[in-house]
PDB file of N, CA and C in Angstrom:
ATOM      1  N   MET A   1      -3.641  12.467   3.085  1.00  0.00           N
ATOM      2  CA  MET A   1      -3.089  11.554   2.113  1.00  0.00           C
ATOM      3  C   MET A   1      -1.560  11.509   2.225  1.00  0.00           C
ATOM      4  N   PHE A   2      -0.921  12.665   2.392  1.00  0.00           N
ATOM      5  CA  PHE A   2       0.541  12.675   2.436  1.00  0.00           C
ATOM      6  C   PHE A   2       1.083  11.986   3.679  1.00  0.00           C
ATOM      7  N   LYS A   3       0.341  12.040   4.774  1.00  0.00           N
ATOM      8  CA  LYS A   3       0.750  11.310   5.973  1.00  0.00           C
ATOM      9  C   LYS A   3       0.785   9.810   5.675  1.00  0.00           C
ATOM     10  N   ALA A   4      -0.204   9.345   4.936  1.00  0.00           N
ATOM     11  CA  ALA A   4      -0.260   7.925   4.585  1.00  0.00           C
ATOM     12  C   ALA A   4       0.914   7.525   3.705  1.00  0.00           C
ATOM     13  N   LEU A   5       1.371   8.444   2.864  1.00  0.00           N
ATOM     14  CA  LEU A   5       2.481   8.156   1.955  1.00  0.00           C
ATOM     15  C   LEU A   5       3.848   8.336   2.606  1.00  0.00           C
ATOM     16  N   ALA A   6       3.873   8.893   3.805  1.00  0.00           N
ATOM     17  CA  ALA A   6       5.142   9.201   4.467  1.00  0.00           C
ATOM     18  C   ALA A   6       5.850   7.979   5.038  1.00  0.00           C
ATOM     19  N   ASP A   7       5.159   6.871   5.140  1.00  0.00           N
ATOM     20  CA  ASP A   7       5.734   5.673   5.753  1.00  0.00           C
ATOM     21  C   ASP A   7       6.223   4.703   4.677  1.00  0.00           C
ATOM     22  N   PRO A   8       7.486   4.271   4.721  1.00  0.00           N
ATOM     23  CA  PRO A   8       8.011   3.352   3.708  1.00  0.00           C
ATOM     24  C   PRO A   8       7.270   2.014   3.648  1.00  0.00           C
ATOM     25  N   ASP A   9       6.793   1.523   4.787  1.00  0.00           N
ATOM     26  CA  ASP A   9       6.059   0.249   4.790  1.00  0.00           C
ATOM     27  C   ASP A   9       4.732   0.381   4.045  1.00  0.00           C
ATOM     28  N   ARG A  10       4.051   1.501   4.241  1.00  0.00           N
ATOM     29  CA  ARG A  10       2.787   1.721   3.524  1.00  0.00           C
ATOM     30  C   ARG A  10       3.044   1.932   2.029  1.00  0.00           C
ATOM     31  N   LEU A  11       4.136   2.608   1.707  1.00  0.00           N
ATOM     32  CA  LEU A  11       4.486   2.782   0.290  1.00  0.00           C
ATOM     33  C   LEU A  11       4.748   1.438  -0.379  1.00  0.00           C
ATOM     34  N   ARG A  12       5.428   0.542   0.337  1.00  0.00           N
ATOM     35  CA  ARG A  12       5.679  -0.798  -0.206  1.00  0.00           C
ATOM     36  C   ARG A  12       4.377  -1.542  -0.463  1.00  0.00           C
ATOM     37  N   LEU A  13       3.420  -1.411   0.458  1.00  0.00           N
ATOM     38  CA  LEU A  13       2.120  -2.056   0.254  1.00  0.00           C
ATOM     39  C   LEU A  13       1.435  -1.502  -0.990  1.00  0.00           C
ATOM     40  N   LEU A  14       1.480  -0.188  -1.153  1.00  0.00           N
ATOM     41  CA  LEU A  14       0.878   0.419  -2.340  1.00  0.00           C
ATOM     42  C   LEU A  14       1.568  -0.067  -3.610  1.00  0.00           C
ATOM     43  N   ALA A  15       2.882  -0.186  -3.562  1.00  0.00           N
ATOM     44  CA  ALA A  15       3.620  -0.680  -4.727  1.00  0.00           C
ATOM     45  C   ALA A  15       3.211  -2.114  -5.055  1.00  0.00           C
ATOM     46  N   ARG A  16       3.018  -2.935  -4.035  1.00  0.00           N
ATOM     47  CA  ARG A  16       2.567  -4.313  -4.271  1.00  0.00           C
ATOM     48  C   ARG A  16       1.161  -4.329  -4.874  1.00  0.00           C
ATOM     49  N   LEU A  17       0.307  -3.426  -4.416  1.00  0.00           N
ATOM     50  CA  LEU A  17      -1.058  -3.363  -4.938  1.00  0.00           C
ATOM     51  C   LEU A  17      -1.099  -2.822  -6.364  1.00  0.00           C
ATOM     52  N   ALA A  18      -0.031  -2.202  -6.809  1.00  0.00           N
ATOM     53  CA  ALA A  18       0.037  -1.737  -8.198  1.00  0.00           C
ATOM     54  C   ALA A  18      -0.023  -2.916  -9.163  1.00  0.00           C
ATOM     55  N   ASP A  19       0.365  -4.101  -8.687  1.00  0.00           N
ATOM     56  CA  ASP A  19       0.307  -5.313  -9.509  1.00  0.00           C
ATOM     57  C   ASP A  19      -1.093  -5.893  -9.587  1.00  0.00           C
ATOM     58  N   GLY A  20      -2.003  -5.384  -8.757  1.00  0.00           N
ATOM     59  CA  GLY A  20      -3.380  -5.868  -8.787  1.00  0.00           C
ATOM     60  C   GLY A  20      -3.915  -6.152  -7.397  1.00  0.00           C
ATOM     61  N   GLU A  21      -5.173  -6.476  -7.364  1.00  0.00           N
ATOM     62  CA  GLU A  21      -5.876  -6.749  -6.111  1.00  0.00           C
ATOM     63  C   GLU A  21      -5.226  -7.922  -5.374  1.00  0.00           C
ATOM     64  N   THR A  22      -5.065  -7.759  -4.065  1.00  0.00           N
ATOM     65  CA  THR A  22      -4.401  -8.781  -3.255  1.00  0.00           C
ATOM     66  C   THR A  22      -5.069  -8.864  -1.894  1.00  0.00           C
ATOM     67  N   CYS A  23      -5.153 -10.077  -1.346  1.00  0.00           N
ATOM     68  CA  CYS A  23      -5.761 -10.227  -0.019  1.00  0.00           C
ATOM     69  C   CYS A  23      -4.731  -9.917   1.073  1.00  0.00           C
ATOM     70  N   VAL A  24      -5.246  -9.572   2.232  1.00  0.00           N
ATOM     71  CA  VAL A  24      -4.399  -9.165   3.357  1.00  0.00           C
ATOM     72  C   VAL A  24      -3.416 -10.263   3.732  1.00  0.00           C
ATOM     73  N   THR A  25      -3.877 -11.506   3.777  1.00  0.00           N
ATOM     74  CA  THR A  25      -2.986 -12.595   4.187  1.00  0.00           C
ATOM     75  C   THR A  25      -1.821 -12.762   3.215  1.00  0.00           C
ATOM     76  N   GLU A  26      -2.076 -12.576   1.934  1.00  0.00           N
ATOM     77  CA  GLU A  26      -0.999 -12.677   0.951  1.00  0.00           C
ATOM     78  C   GLU A  26      -0.023 -11.507   1.098  1.00  0.00           C
ATOM     79  N   LEU A  27      -0.548 -10.308   1.305  1.00  0.00           N
ATOM     80  CA  LEU A  27       0.323  -9.147   1.524  1.00  0.00           C
ATOM     81  C   LEU A  27       1.193  -9.347   2.761  1.00  0.00           C
ATOM     82  N   ALA A  28       0.599  -9.873   3.820  1.00  0.00           N
ATOM     83  CA  ALA A  28       1.351 -10.115   5.056  1.00  0.00           C
ATOM     84  C   ALA A  28       2.477 -11.116   4.811  1.00  0.00           C
ATOM     85  N   ALA A  29       2.194 -12.168   4.057  1.00  0.00           N
ATOM     86  CA  ALA A  29       3.223 -13.164   3.752  1.00  0.00           C
ATOM     87  C   ALA A  29       4.337 -12.551   2.904  1.00  0.00           C
ATOM     88  N   LEU A  30       3.968 -11.755   1.912  1.00  0.00           N
ATOM     89  CA  LEU A  30       4.963 -11.115   1.052  1.00  0.00           C
ATOM     90  C   LEU A  30       5.848 -10.144   1.825  1.00  0.00           C
ATOM     91  N   GLU A  31       5.262  -9.474   2.802  1.00  0.00           N
ATOM     92  CA  GLU A  31       6.003  -8.497   3.608  1.00  0.00           C
ATOM     93  C   GLU A  31       6.657  -9.131   4.834  1.00  0.00           C
ATOM     94  N   ASP A  32       6.409 -10.421   5.062  1.00  0.00           N
ATOM     95  CA  ASP A  32       6.918 -11.134   6.234  1.00  0.00           C
ATOM     96  C   ASP A  32       6.535 -10.398   7.521  1.00  0.00           C
ATOM     97  N   GLN A  33       5.231 -10.060   7.608  1.00  0.00           N
ATOM     98  CA  GLN A  33       4.698  -9.348   8.761  1.00  0.00           C
ATOM     99  C   GLN A  33       3.394  -9.999   9.196  1.00  0.00           C
ATOM    100  N   LYS A  34       2.954  -9.650  10.392  1.00  0.00           N
ATOM    101  CA  LYS A  34       1.692 -10.172  10.903  1.00  0.00           C
ATOM    102  C   LYS A  34       0.529  -9.564  10.130  1.00  0.00           C
ATOM    103  N   VAL A  35      -0.529 -10.344  10.000  1.00  0.00           N
ATOM    104  CA  VAL A  35      -1.735  -9.871   9.320  1.00  0.00           C
ATOM    105  C   VAL A  35      -2.283  -8.626  10.016  1.00  0.00           C
ATOM    106  N   THR A  36      -2.237  -8.601  11.342  1.00  0.00           N
ATOM    107  CA  THR A  36      -2.764  -7.445  12.078  1.00  0.00           C
ATOM    108  C   THR A  36      -1.974  -6.172  11.769  1.00  0.00           C
ATOM    109  N   THR A  37      -0.672  -6.305  11.604  1.00  0.00           N
ATOM    110  CA  THR A  37       0.170  -5.149  11.274  1.00  0.00           C
ATOM    111  C   THR A  37      -0.176  -4.613   9.891  1.00  0.00           C
ATOM    112  N   VAL A  38      -0.271  -5.517   8.929  1.00  0.00           N
ATOM    113  CA  VAL A  38      -0.600  -5.118   7.557  1.00  0.00           C
ATOM    114  C   VAL A  38      -2.013  -4.546   7.502  1.00  0.00           C
ATOM    115  N   SER A  39      -2.936  -5.146   8.226  1.00  0.00           N
ATOM    116  CA  SER A  39      -4.315  -4.642   8.259  1.00  0.00           C
ATOM    117  C   SER A  39      -4.379  -3.215   8.790  1.00  0.00           C
ATOM    118  N   ALA A  40      -3.608  -2.925   9.815  1.00  0.00           N
ATOM    119  CA  ALA A  40      -3.590  -1.573  10.383  1.00  0.00           C
ATOM    120  C   ALA A  40      -3.055  -0.570   9.363  1.00  0.00           C
ATOM    121  N   ARG A  41      -2.025  -0.957   8.642  1.00  0.00           N
ATOM    122  CA  ARG A  41      -1.471  -0.063   7.614  1.00  0.00           C
ATOM    123  C   ARG A  41      -2.467   0.146   6.478  1.00  0.00           C
ATOM    124  N   LEU A  42      -3.137  -0.924   6.095  1.00  0.00           N
ATOM    125  CA  LEU A  42      -4.128  -0.815   5.025  1.00  0.00           C
ATOM    126  C   LEU A  42      -5.322   0.037   5.453  1.00  0.00           C
ATOM    127  N   LYS A  43      -5.673  -0.028   6.729  1.00  0.00           N
ATOM    128  CA  LYS A  43      -6.784   0.785   7.224  1.00  0.00           C
ATOM    129  C   LYS A  43      -6.470   2.268   7.068  1.00  0.00           C
ATOM    130  N   LEU A  44      -5.237   2.650   7.363  1.00  0.00           N
ATOM    131  CA  LEU A  44      -4.843   4.049   7.190  1.00  0.00           C
ATOM    132  C   LEU A  44      -4.893   4.443   5.713  1.00  0.00           C
ATOM    133  N   LEU A  45      -4.452   3.550   4.836  1.00  0.00           N
ATOM    134  CA  LEU A  45      -4.510   3.814   3.397  1.00  0.00           C
ATOM    135  C   LEU A  45      -5.955   3.896   2.909  1.00  0.00           C
ATOM    136  N   LEU A  46      -6.817   3.093   3.502  1.00  0.00           N
ATOM    137  CA  LEU A  46      -8.243   3.126   3.168  1.00  0.00           C
ATOM    138  C   LEU A  46      -8.862   4.453   3.595  1.00  0.00           C
ATOM    139  N   THR A  47      -8.530   4.902   4.797  1.00  0.00           N
ATOM    140  CA  THR A  47      -9.028   6.178   5.309  1.00  0.00           C
ATOM    141  C   THR A  47      -8.577   7.335   4.419  1.00  0.00           C
ATOM    142  N   ALA A  48      -7.362   7.236   3.880  1.00  0.00           N
ATOM    143  CA  ALA A  48      -6.831   8.266   2.985  1.00  0.00           C
ATOM    144  C   ALA A  48      -7.370   8.122   1.559  1.00  0.00           C
ATOM    145  N   ARG A  49      -8.190   7.109   1.344  1.00  0.00           N
ATOM    146  CA  ARG A  49      -8.815   6.829   0.039  1.00  0.00           C
ATOM    147  C   ARG A  49      -7.801   6.485  -1.049  1.00  0.00           C
ATOM    148  N   LEU A  50      -6.695   5.902  -0.631  1.00  0.00           N
ATOM    149  CA  LEU A  50      -5.685   5.454  -1.584  1.00  0.00           C
ATOM    150  C   LEU A  50      -5.952   4.029  -2.046  1.00  0.00           C
ATOM    151  N   VAL A  51      -6.668   3.265  -1.223  1.00  0.00           N
ATOM    152  CA  VAL A  51      -7.046   1.898  -1.575  1.00  0.00           C
ATOM    153  C   VAL A  51      -8.540   1.714  -1.316  1.00  0.00           C
ATOM    154  N   SER A  52      -9.079   0.689  -1.951  1.00  0.00           N
ATOM    155  CA  SER A  52     -10.451   0.268  -1.659  1.00  0.00           C
ATOM    156  C   SER A  52     -10.398  -1.220  -1.348  1.00  0.00           C
ATOM    157  N   ARG A  53     -11.491  -1.753  -0.824  1.00  0.00           N
ATOM    158  CA  ARG A  53     -11.471  -3.166  -0.423  1.00  0.00           C
ATOM    159  C   ARG A  53     -12.808  -3.827  -0.713  1.00  0.00           C
ATOM    160  N   ARG A  54     -12.746  -5.145  -0.742  1.00  0.00           N
ATOM    161  CA  ARG A  54     -13.960  -5.956  -0.858  1.00  0.00           C
ATOM    162  C   ARG A  54     -13.733  -7.242  -0.080  1.00  0.00           C
ATOM    163  N   ARG A  55     -14.807  -7.788   0.421  1.00  0.00           N
ATOM    164  CA  ARG A  55     -14.731  -9.036   1.179  1.00  0.00           C
ATOM    165  C   ARG A  55     -15.200 -10.180   0.286  1.00  0.00           C
ATOM    166  N   GLU A  56     -14.467 -11.277   0.371  1.00  0.00           N
ATOM    167  CA  GLU A  56     -14.869 -12.508  -0.303  1.00  0.00           C
ATOM    168  C   GLU A  56     -14.694 -13.636   0.704  1.00  0.00           C
ATOM    169  N   ALA A  57     -15.815 -14.147   1.176  1.00  0.00           N
ATOM    170  CA  ALA A  57     -15.819 -15.157   2.243  1.00  0.00           C
ATOM    171  C   ALA A  57     -15.080 -14.599   3.461  1.00  0.00           C
ATOM    172  N   LYS A  58     -14.003 -15.267   3.878  1.00  0.00           N
ATOM    173  CA  LYS A  58     -13.256 -14.811   5.057  1.00  0.00           C
ATOM    174  C   LYS A  58     -12.106 -13.867   4.706  1.00  0.00           C
ATOM    175  N   HIS A  59     -11.905 -13.601   3.433  1.00  0.00           N
ATOM    176  CA  HIS A  59     -10.749 -12.811   3.003  1.00  0.00           C
ATOM    177  C   HIS A  59     -11.148 -11.397   2.600  1.00  0.00           C
ATOM    178  N   MET A  60     -10.268 -10.446   2.929  1.00  0.00           N
ATOM    179  CA  MET A  60     -10.451  -9.051   2.542  1.00  0.00           C
ATOM    180  C   MET A  60      -9.420  -8.738   1.457  1.00  0.00           C
ATOM    181  N   TYR A  61      -9.900  -8.264   0.322  1.00  0.00           N
ATOM    182  CA  TYR A  61      -9.038  -7.940  -0.808  1.00  0.00           C
ATOM    183  C   TYR A  61      -8.927  -6.429  -0.964  1.00  0.00           C
ATOM    184  N   TYR A  62      -7.701  -5.963  -1.193  1.00  0.00           N
ATOM    185  CA  TYR A  62      -7.439  -4.534  -1.360  1.00  0.00           C
ATOM    186  C   TYR A  62      -6.901  -4.271  -2.758  1.00  0.00           C
ATOM    187  N   ARG A  63      -7.183  -3.063  -3.249  1.00  0.00           N
ATOM    188  CA  ARG A  63      -6.670  -2.622  -4.544  1.00  0.00           C
ATOM    189  C   ARG A  63      -6.510  -1.105  -4.504  1.00  0.00           C
ATOM    190  N   LEU A  64      -5.682  -0.581  -5.398  1.00  0.00           N
ATOM    191  CA  LEU A  64      -5.543   0.868  -5.518  1.00  0.00           C
ATOM    192  C   LEU A  64      -6.871   1.437  -6.000  1.00  0.00           C
ATOM    193  N   THR A  65      -7.215   2.624  -5.541  1.00  0.00           N
ATOM    194  CA  THR A  65      -8.505   3.193  -5.929  1.00  0.00           C
ATOM    195  C   THR A  65      -8.558   3.539  -7.409  1.00  0.00           C
ATOM    196  N   ASP A  66      -7.462   4.030  -7.965  1.00  0.00           N
ATOM    197  CA  ASP A  66      -7.432   4.329  -9.403  1.00  0.00           C
ATOM    198  C   ASP A  66      -5.993   4.552  -9.865  1.00  0.00           C
ATOM    199  N   ASP A  67      -5.831   4.832 -11.153  1.00  0.00           N
ATOM    200  CA  ASP A  67      -4.492   5.010 -11.721  1.00  0.00           C
ATOM    201  C   ASP A  67      -3.774   6.239 -11.173  1.00  0.00           C
ATOM    202  N   HIS A  68      -4.517   7.220 -10.694  1.00  0.00           N
ATOM    203  CA  HIS A  68      -3.882   8.405 -10.121  1.00  0.00           C
ATOM    204  C   HIS A  68      -3.065   8.027  -8.881  1.00  0.00           C
ATOM    205  N   VAL A  69      -3.576   7.096  -8.107  1.00  0.00           N
ATOM    206  CA  VAL A  69      -2.847   6.639  -6.917  1.00  0.00           C
ATOM    207  C   VAL A  69      -1.533   6.002  -7.344  1.00  0.00           C
ATOM    208  N   LEU A  70      -1.573   5.215  -8.402  1.00  0.00           N
ATOM    209  CA  LEU A  70      -0.353   4.579  -8.906  1.00  0.00           C
ATOM    210  C   LEU A  70       0.680   5.636  -9.294  1.00  0.00           C
ATOM    211  N   GLN A  71       0.264   6.692  -9.949  1.00  0.00           N
ATOM    212  CA  GLN A  71       1.191   7.758 -10.338  1.00  0.00           C
ATOM    213  C   GLN A  71       1.788   8.453  -9.113  1.00  0.00           C
ATOM    214  N   ILE A  72       0.967   8.660  -8.087  1.00  0.00           N
ATOM    215  CA  ILE A  72       1.457   9.269  -6.847  1.00  0.00           C
ATOM    216  C   ILE A  72       2.502   8.368  -6.191  1.00  0.00           C
ATOM    217  N   VAL A  73       2.233   7.067  -6.164  1.00  0.00           N
ATOM    218  CA  VAL A  73       3.164   6.105  -5.562  1.00  0.00           C
ATOM    219  C   VAL A  73       4.484   6.094  -6.331  1.00  0.00           C
ATOM    220  N   ILE A  74       4.408   6.062  -7.645  1.00  0.00           N
ATOM    221  CA  ILE A  74       5.624   6.053  -8.469  1.00  0.00           C
ATOM    222  C   ILE A  74       6.452   7.303  -8.203  1.00  0.00           C
ATOM    223  N   THR A  75       5.799   8.451  -8.165  1.00  0.00           N
ATOM    224  CA  THR A  75       6.502   9.706  -7.903  1.00  0.00           C
ATOM    225  C   THR A  75       7.143   9.696  -6.518  1.00  0.00           C
ATOM    226  N   ALA A  76       6.412   9.210  -5.517  1.00  0.00           N
ATOM    227  CA  ALA A  76       6.949   9.152  -4.150  1.00  0.00           C
ATOM    228  C   ALA A  76       8.154   8.222  -4.079  1.00  0.00           C
ATOM    229  N   LEU A  77       8.082   7.075  -4.746  1.00  0.00           N
ATOM    230  CA  LEU A  77       9.204   6.136  -4.734  1.00  0.00           C
ATOM    231  C   LEU A  77      10.413   6.714  -5.462  1.00  0.00           C
ATOM    232  N   GLU A  78      10.178   7.397  -6.576  1.00  0.00           N
ATOM    233  CA  GLU A  78      11.284   8.029  -7.299  1.00  0.00           C
ATOM    234  C   GLU A  78      11.942   9.098  -6.434  1.00  0.00           C
ATOM    235  N   HIS A  79      11.129   9.871  -5.754  1.00  0.00           N
ATOM    236  CA  HIS A  79      11.654  10.923  -4.879  1.00  0.00           C
ATOM    237  C   HIS A  79      12.474  10.315  -3.738  1.00  0.00           C
ATOM    238  N   SER A  80      11.983   9.227  -3.167  1.00  0.00           N
ATOM    239  CA  SER A  80      12.716   8.545  -2.092  1.00  0.00           C
ATOM    240  C   SER A  80      14.060   8.036  -2.590  1.00  0.00           C
ATOM    241  N   ALA A  81      14.077   7.492  -3.795  1.00  0.00           N
ATOM    242  CA  ALA A  81      15.324   6.981  -4.369  1.00  0.00           C
ATOM    243  C   ALA A  81      16.311   8.118  -4.607  1.00  0.00           C
ATOM    244  N   GLU A  82      15.814   9.259  -5.086  1.00  0.00           N
ATOM    245  CA  GLU A  82      16.689  10.415  -5.309  1.00  0.00           C
ATOM    246  C   GLU A  82      17.293  10.893  -3.993  1.00  0.00           C
ATOM    247  N   ASP A  83      16.481  10.935  -2.939  1.00  0.00           N
ATOM    248  CA  ASP A  83      16.983  11.345  -1.626  1.00  0.00           C
ATOM    249  C   ASP A  83      18.066  10.398  -1.128  1.00  0.00           C
ATOM    250  N   ALA A  84      17.844   9.105  -1.315  1.00  0.00           N
ATOM    251  CA  ALA A  84      18.808   8.108  -0.844  1.00  0.00           C
ATOM    252  C   ALA A  84      20.129   8.227  -1.604  1.00  0.00           C
ATOM    253  N   LEU A  85      20.052   8.508  -2.894  1.00  0.00           N
ATOM    254  CA  LEU A  85      21.266   8.622  -3.703  1.00  0.00           C
ATOM    255  C   LEU A  85      22.049   9.894  -3.411  1.00  0.00           C
ATOM    256  N   SER A  86      21.362  10.937  -2.986  1.00  0.00           N
ATOM    257  CA  SER A  86      22.044  12.211  -2.736  1.00  0.00           C
ATOM    258  C   SER A  86      22.736  12.251  -1.378  1.00  0.00           C
ATOM    259  N   ARG A  87      22.538  11.249  -0.573  1.00  0.00           N
ATOM    260  CA  ARG A  87      23.156  11.226   0.771  1.00  0.00           C
ATOM    261  C   ARG A  87      24.542  10.708   0.729  1.00  0.00           C
TER     262      ARG A  87
END
């Protein structure tokens, strides 16, 4: 799980998912990245059980697995901000 949280791009995806379930194509557009890149990052988060997914027609929707994940993300982001400020 901590390996999955170690990447700033994956943390940003988790932060976006804190707002609610979102499809891969929308996440890719928000991050200005290719769908394949975002999908690969989400797959790692899925393997770490930080997100879950469901398919609707041609779209795959992702969401945080539960509120505990949100708390972990918030703590990780706060810690990152503290590190950046102390430099």
